[in-house]
Amino acid sequence: MPRVGFGTYRLQGHECEVAVEAALECGYRLIDTASIYKNEEHVKAALSRWRSRHGGEHVCITSKASPYEMGFDKTYAACLQSLRRLGVEQLDLYLLHWPGVAKRQHMDAVHRKARHESWKALECLCRDNKVRAIGVSNFNPSHLDALYEDGIGIPPAVNQVEFHPFCLRRDLLAWLPPRDKTSGADAPAFAPLVIQGYASLGSGDSALLTHPAVLRVASECHRTPAQVLLRWSLQHGVPVIPRSAHTDRIRGNLQVYDFRLSEAQMGVLDGLQQSASRRFCWDSTTVL
């Protein structure tokens, strides 16, 4: 899948359609949505208009089952509804959006049971050719460990998490699936888990884009702060899905392949985790 995709969180209605169509015109070939975003039908409309002009070029689509859609039956049905709303027969990637069930206390044991049931639904969707790949979102190492311990047939391909210099997830970058932890000859051979970053630009909060260290590196590189932040993620091996409703920013966010941050510049940005650590989105750390 592309290393830079287009996120649609908080994009609604006509604004969503215009932004997605602009992203496709600029060259994005991965669109990220979710049932809880309530915009899948608008993504469909934008894709339909773009395809009417450009033919059948493949565009990767990711969607997600919400915390309200946990459990085998609910998760399976949620994916079918997303397919219908998006007007496609198969998703490229389908994720569990959150490691817990909505409206339950974080320490409730129901979360682990529901995760396992929902994962089995994702495996079934994969076998039924409704999705090409499956994964998770907002999972911490403890959630991943539990998923493997409870027994899986298909490993998660992706873990989509908040990732930026204020939230450098070294714990997830260092996490290894069971075979690599045990080095046992009988352990199943699972592919490495890809960490995909969201909120790479601050999710509407300007603190990242206006931080003096980010501005200084951007000036040194003759790039925008957004391009520097996205490039930082890519050099950590983390694909990104930036979101914007402005065509010039949508275009600029894709122009991150023709420069590279120096080791010193990466070190400066890495250091923000110590001096300015914070999240802009949800924290699943306490979900059992």
Protein backbone atom coordinates (compact mmCIF):
# COMPACT_ATOMS: atom_id res chain seq x y z
CA MET A 1 0.00 0.00 0.00
CA PRO A 2 1.17 3.59 -0.56
CA ARG A 3 3.36 5.12 2.14
CA VAL A 4 1.32 8.33 2.10
CA GLY A 5 -2.46 8.04 2.06
CA PHE A 6 -5.29 10.51 2.50
CA GLY A 7 -7.17 10.55 5.80
CA THR A 8 -10.82 11.62 6.01
CA TYR A 9 -11.39 12.01 9.76
CA ARG A 10 -13.73 14.98 10.43
CA LEU A 11 -14.44 15.48 6.72
CA GLN A 12 -18.17 15.49 6.03
CA GLY A 13 -20.57 15.97 3.14
CA HIS A 14 -19.55 18.13 0.20
CA GLU A 15 -16.28 19.12 1.88
CA CYS A 16 -15.31 15.45 2.11
CA GLU A 17 -16.16 14.80 -1.54
CA VAL A 18 -14.18 17.81 -2.76
CA ALA A 19 -11.17 16.92 -0.59
CA VAL A 20 -11.09 13.24 -1.61
CA GLU A 21 -11.44 14.13 -5.28
CA ALA A 22 -8.64 16.69 -4.94
CA ALA A 23 -6.44 14.10 -3.24
CA LEU A 24 -6.99 11.65 -6.06
CA GLU A 25 -6.19 14.32 -8.65
CA CYS A 26 -2.97 15.12 -6.77
CA GLY A 27 -1.89 11.48 -6.92
CA TYR A 28 -3.02 9.87 -3.67
CA ARG A 29 -3.92 6.22 -4.17
CA LEU A 30 -4.92 5.33 -0.61
CA ILE A 31 -8.06 6.70 1.04
CA ASP A 32 -8.61 6.02 4.74
CA THR A 33 -12.12 6.14 6.22
CA ALA A 34 -14.15 4.44 8.97
CA SER A 35 -17.75 3.64 9.76
CA ILE A 36 -17.70 6.04 12.71
CA TYR A 37 -16.59 8.92 10.45
CA LYS A 38 -20.02 8.82 8.76
CA ASN A 39 -18.52 9.76 5.40
CA GLU A 40 -18.10 6.49 3.49
CA GLU A 41 -20.88 7.39 1.03
CA HIS A 42 -19.17 10.72 0.34
CA VAL A 43 -15.89 8.90 -0.30
CA LYS A 44 -17.81 6.70 -2.75
CA ALA A 45 -19.21 9.75 -4.56
CA ALA A 46 -15.76 11.29 -4.94
CA LEU A 47 -14.26 8.02 -6.18
CA SER A 48 -17.08 7.58 -8.69
CA ARG A 49 -16.60 11.06 -10.17
CA TRP A 50 -12.83 10.64 -10.34
CA ARG A 51 -13.11 7.20 -11.96
CA SER A 52 -15.54 8.56 -14.55
CA ARG A 53 -12.65 10.71 -15.80
CA HIS A 54 -9.68 8.42 -15.19
CA GLY A 55 -10.98 4.90 -15.71
CA GLY A 56 -10.27 1.91 -13.54
CA GLU A 57 -6.93 2.75 -11.90
CA HIS A 58 -6.87 1.01 -8.53
CA VAL A 59 -7.26 3.09 -5.38
CA CYS A 60 -6.60 1.39 -2.04
CA ILE A 61 -9.38 1.85 0.50
CA THR A 62 -9.15 1.34 4.26
CA SER A 63 -12.14 1.31 6.59
CA LYS A 64 -12.64 0.34 10.23
CA ALA A 65 -15.12 -1.33 12.57
CA SER A 66 -16.05 1.03 15.39
CA PRO A 67 -16.13 0.29 19.16
CA TYR A 68 -19.92 0.00 18.73
CA GLU A 69 -19.40 -2.85 16.25
CA MET A 70 -17.35 -5.27 18.34
CA GLY A 71 -18.09 -8.99 18.54
CA PHE A 72 -18.11 -11.51 15.68
CA ASP A 73 -21.55 -10.84 14.21
CA LYS A 74 -21.43 -7.06 14.60
CA THR A 75 -17.95 -6.75 13.10
CA TYR A 76 -18.73 -8.97 10.13
CA ALA A 77 -21.96 -7.07 9.44
CA ALA A 78 -20.19 -3.72 9.86
CA CYS A 79 -17.73 -4.59 7.11
CA LEU A 80 -20.53 -5.57 4.74
CA GLN A 81 -22.21 -2.23 5.43
CA SER A 82 -18.96 -0.37 4.74
CA LEU A 83 -18.59 -2.24 1.45
CA ARG A 84 -22.12 -1.20 0.49
CA ARG A 85 -21.63 2.44 1.46
CA LEU A 86 -18.30 2.61 -0.39
CA GLY A 87 -19.66 0.84 -3.45
CA VAL A 88 -16.88 -1.76 -3.61
CA GLU A 89 -16.78 -5.54 -3.46
CA GLN A 90 -13.55 -5.74 -1.49
CA LEU A 91 -11.60 -3.49 0.89
CA ASP A 92 -7.82 -3.36 0.71
CA LEU A 93 -7.53 -3.05 4.49
CA TYR A 94 -10.06 -3.41 7.30
CA LEU A 95 -9.18 -2.52 10.89
CA LEU A 96 -10.57 -2.80 14.39
CA HIS A 97 -10.72 0.91 15.22
CA TRP A 98 -10.27 0.58 19.00
CA PRO A 99 -9.18 -2.22 21.37
CA GLY A 100 -12.37 -1.98 23.43
CA VAL A 101 -16.15 -1.96 23.39
CA ALA A 102 -17.99 1.37 23.47
CA LYS A 103 -19.63 2.55 26.70
CA ARG A 104 -17.79 0.05 28.94
CA GLN A 105 -15.30 0.77 31.71
CA HIS A 106 -11.70 0.48 30.49
CA MET A 107 -10.91 -2.28 33.00
CA ASP A 108 -13.89 -4.44 31.97
CA ALA A 109 -12.82 -7.95 30.90
CA VAL A 110 -15.33 -7.78 28.04
CA HIS A 111 -12.80 -5.89 25.92
CA ARG A 112 -10.37 -8.77 25.48
CA LYS A 113 -13.16 -11.23 24.68
CA ALA A 114 -14.72 -8.85 22.15
CA ARG A 115 -11.35 -8.17 20.49
CA HIS A 116 -10.81 -11.87 19.97
CA GLU A 117 -14.32 -12.40 18.57
CA SER A 118 -13.97 -9.40 16.26
CA TRP A 119 -10.58 -10.60 15.07
CA LYS A 120 -12.11 -13.95 14.14
CA ALA A 121 -14.69 -12.01 12.11
CA LEU A 122 -11.90 -10.18 10.29
CA GLU A 123 -10.20 -13.48 9.51
CA CYS A 124 -13.49 -14.78 8.13
CA LEU A 125 -13.91 -11.63 6.00
CA CYS A 126 -10.42 -12.25 4.64
CA ARG A 127 -11.23 -15.85 3.74
CA ASP A 128 -14.49 -14.71 2.15
CA ASN A 129 -12.54 -12.24 -0.05
CA LYS A 130 -14.34 -9.24 1.41
CA VAL A 131 -11.01 -7.72 2.48
CA ARG A 132 -7.45 -8.16 1.24
CA ALA A 133 -5.71 -7.45 4.54
CA ILE A 134 -6.74 -6.95 8.17
CA GLY A 135 -5.32 -5.02 11.07
CA VAL A 136 -5.95 -2.97 14.16
CA SER A 137 -5.87 0.64 15.33
CA ASN A 138 -4.93 2.20 18.66
CA PHE A 139 -3.58 -1.13 19.97
CA ASN A 140 -0.79 -1.05 22.54
CA PRO A 141 1.76 -3.89 22.96
CA SER A 142 -0.40 -5.45 25.69
CA HIS A 143 -3.38 -5.63 23.31
CA LEU A 144 -1.25 -7.18 20.58
CA ASP A 145 0.23 -9.72 23.00
CA ALA A 146 -3.26 -10.72 24.17
CA LEU A 147 -4.48 -11.09 20.60
CA TYR A 148 -1.70 -13.56 19.80
CA GLU A 149 -2.09 -15.37 23.12
CA ASP A 150 -5.80 -15.94 22.49
CA GLY A 151 -5.03 -17.56 19.14
CA ILE A 152 -5.08 -16.10 15.65
CA GLY A 153 -5.00 -17.63 12.21
CA ILE A 154 -4.08 -14.47 10.29
CA PRO A 155 -1.76 -11.90 11.90
CA PRO A 156 -2.58 -8.18 11.79
CA ALA A 157 -0.86 -6.45 8.89
CA VAL A 158 -1.18 -2.92 10.27
CA ASN A 159 -1.55 -1.11 13.59
CA GLN A 160 -2.76 2.45 12.92
CA VAL A 161 -1.82 4.72 15.83
CA GLU A 162 -1.14 8.33 16.73
CA PHE A 163 2.46 9.00 15.73
CA HIS A 164 4.42 12.28 15.66
CA PRO A 165 7.41 13.83 17.47
CA PHE A 166 5.32 14.51 20.58
CA CYS A 167 4.16 10.88 20.55
CA LEU A 168 7.06 8.73 19.33
CA ARG A 169 5.82 5.20 19.94
CA ARG A 170 9.12 3.43 20.49
CA ASP A 171 7.25 0.68 22.35
CA LEU A 172 5.33 -0.20 19.19
CA LEU A 173 8.30 0.25 16.85
CA ALA A 174 10.18 -2.28 19.00
CA TRP A 175 7.28 -4.72 19.39
CA LEU A 176 7.82 -8.13 17.82
CA PRO A 177 5.33 -10.91 17.09
CA PRO A 178 5.69 -14.16 19.07
CA ARG A 179 8.13 -16.00 16.82
CA ASP A 180 10.64 -13.18 17.07
CA LYS A 181 10.23 -13.02 20.85
CA THR A 182 10.75 -16.74 21.40
CA SER A 183 12.93 -17.73 18.44
CA GLY A 184 11.31 -21.11 18.84
CA ALA A 185 11.52 -23.42 15.86
CA ASP A 186 7.88 -24.39 16.27
CA ALA A 187 6.54 -20.83 16.52
CA PRO A 188 4.47 -19.64 13.53
CA ALA A 189 6.22 -17.32 11.10
CA PHE A 190 4.32 -14.02 11.18
CA ALA A 191 5.14 -11.06 8.96
CA PRO A 192 6.32 -7.84 10.64
CA LEU A 193 3.55 -5.53 11.82
CA VAL A 194 3.41 -2.21 9.97
CA ILE A 195 2.84 0.84 12.16
CA GLN A 196 0.79 3.45 10.26
CA GLY A 197 0.62 6.93 11.75
CA TYR A 198 -2.34 9.25 12.11
CA ALA A 199 -2.52 12.76 13.64
CA SER A 200 0.94 13.26 12.11
CA LEU A 201 0.31 17.00 11.83
CA GLY A 202 -1.52 17.49 15.13
CA SER A 203 -5.12 16.65 14.20
CA GLY A 204 -6.17 20.30 13.98
CA ASP A 205 -4.00 21.49 16.88
CA SER A 206 -1.24 23.87 15.75
CA ALA A 207 1.25 22.94 18.50
CA LEU A 208 3.30 20.63 16.27
CA LEU A 209 3.29 22.78 13.15
CA THR A 210 4.35 25.89 15.06
CA HIS A 211 6.89 24.34 17.43
CA PRO A 212 10.23 26.22 17.15
CA ALA A 213 12.21 23.03 16.54
CA VAL A 214 9.92 21.99 13.69
CA LEU A 215 10.04 25.49 12.17
CA ARG A 216 13.84 25.50 12.40
CA VAL A 217 14.20 22.16 10.62
CA ALA A 218 11.66 23.24 7.99
CA SER A 219 13.70 26.39 7.33
CA GLU A 220 16.90 24.36 7.00
CA CYS A 221 15.24 22.02 4.50
CA HIS A 222 13.32 24.75 2.64
CA ARG A 223 10.16 22.75 3.24
CA THR A 224 6.88 23.32 5.04
CA PRO A 225 6.54 22.19 8.66
CA ALA A 226 3.94 19.65 7.50
CA GLN A 227 6.34 18.14 4.97
CA VAL A 228 9.06 17.88 7.62
CA LEU A 229 6.72 16.12 10.07
CA LEU A 230 5.52 13.65 7.44
CA ARG A 231 9.08 12.99 6.27
CA TRP A 232 10.10 12.36 9.90
CA SER A 233 7.47 9.61 10.17
CA LEU A 234 8.49 8.03 6.88
CA GLN A 235 12.14 7.91 7.97
CA HIS A 236 11.01 6.03 11.07
CA GLY A 237 9.44 3.50 8.70
CA VAL A 238 5.92 4.67 9.54
CA PRO A 239 3.48 5.33 6.65
CA VAL A 240 1.14 8.29 7.15
CA ILE A 241 -2.43 9.34 6.31
CA PRO A 242 -2.55 13.16 6.61
CA ARG A 243 -5.88 14.91 6.26
CA SER A 244 -6.70 18.37 4.94
CA ALA A 245 -9.62 20.13 3.28
CA HIS A 246 -7.34 22.55 1.40
CA THR A 247 -6.09 21.55 -2.06
CA ASP A 248 -2.71 23.28 -1.71
CA ARG A 249 -2.00 21.46 1.55
CA ILE A 250 -3.29 18.17 0.15
CA ARG A 251 -0.83 18.52 -2.72
CA GLY A 252 2.02 19.63 -0.49
CA ASN A 253 1.57 16.74 1.92
CA LEU A 254 2.36 14.32 -0.90
CA GLN A 255 5.62 16.08 -1.84
CA VAL A 256 7.77 14.29 0.72
CA TYR A 257 9.75 11.82 -1.38
CA ASP A 258 12.41 14.13 -2.84
CA PHE A 259 14.25 15.16 0.32
CA ARG A 260 15.62 13.54 3.43
CA LEU A 261 16.15 14.75 7.00
CA SER A 262 19.69 14.49 8.34
CA GLU A 263 20.54 12.35 11.34
CA ALA A 264 20.91 15.53 13.40
CA GLN A 265 17.52 16.85 12.29
CA MET A 266 15.88 13.52 13.11
CA GLY A 267 17.50 13.67 16.54
CA VAL A 268 16.12 17.14 17.20
CA LEU A 269 12.59 16.04 16.34
CA ASP A 270 12.93 12.76 18.25
CA GLY A 271 13.88 14.80 21.31
CA LEU A 272 10.50 16.54 21.39
CA GLN A 273 9.07 13.36 22.94
CA GLN A 274 11.00 14.26 26.10
CA SER A 275 10.32 17.99 26.22
CA ALA A 276 6.80 18.23 24.80
CA SER A 277 5.23 14.78 25.14
CA ARG A 278 1.49 14.82 24.48
CA ARG A 279 -1.31 13.21 22.50
CA PHE A 280 -3.89 14.96 20.35
CA CYS A 281 -6.27 12.00 20.18
CA TRP A 282 -7.47 9.06 22.25
CA ASP A 283 -5.32 7.10 24.67
CA SER A 284 -6.10 3.38 24.89
CA THR A 285 -3.37 2.64 27.46
CA THR A 286 -5.84 1.81 30.24
CA VAL A 287 -8.11 -0.41 28.11
CA LEU A 288 -7.77 -3.94 29.50
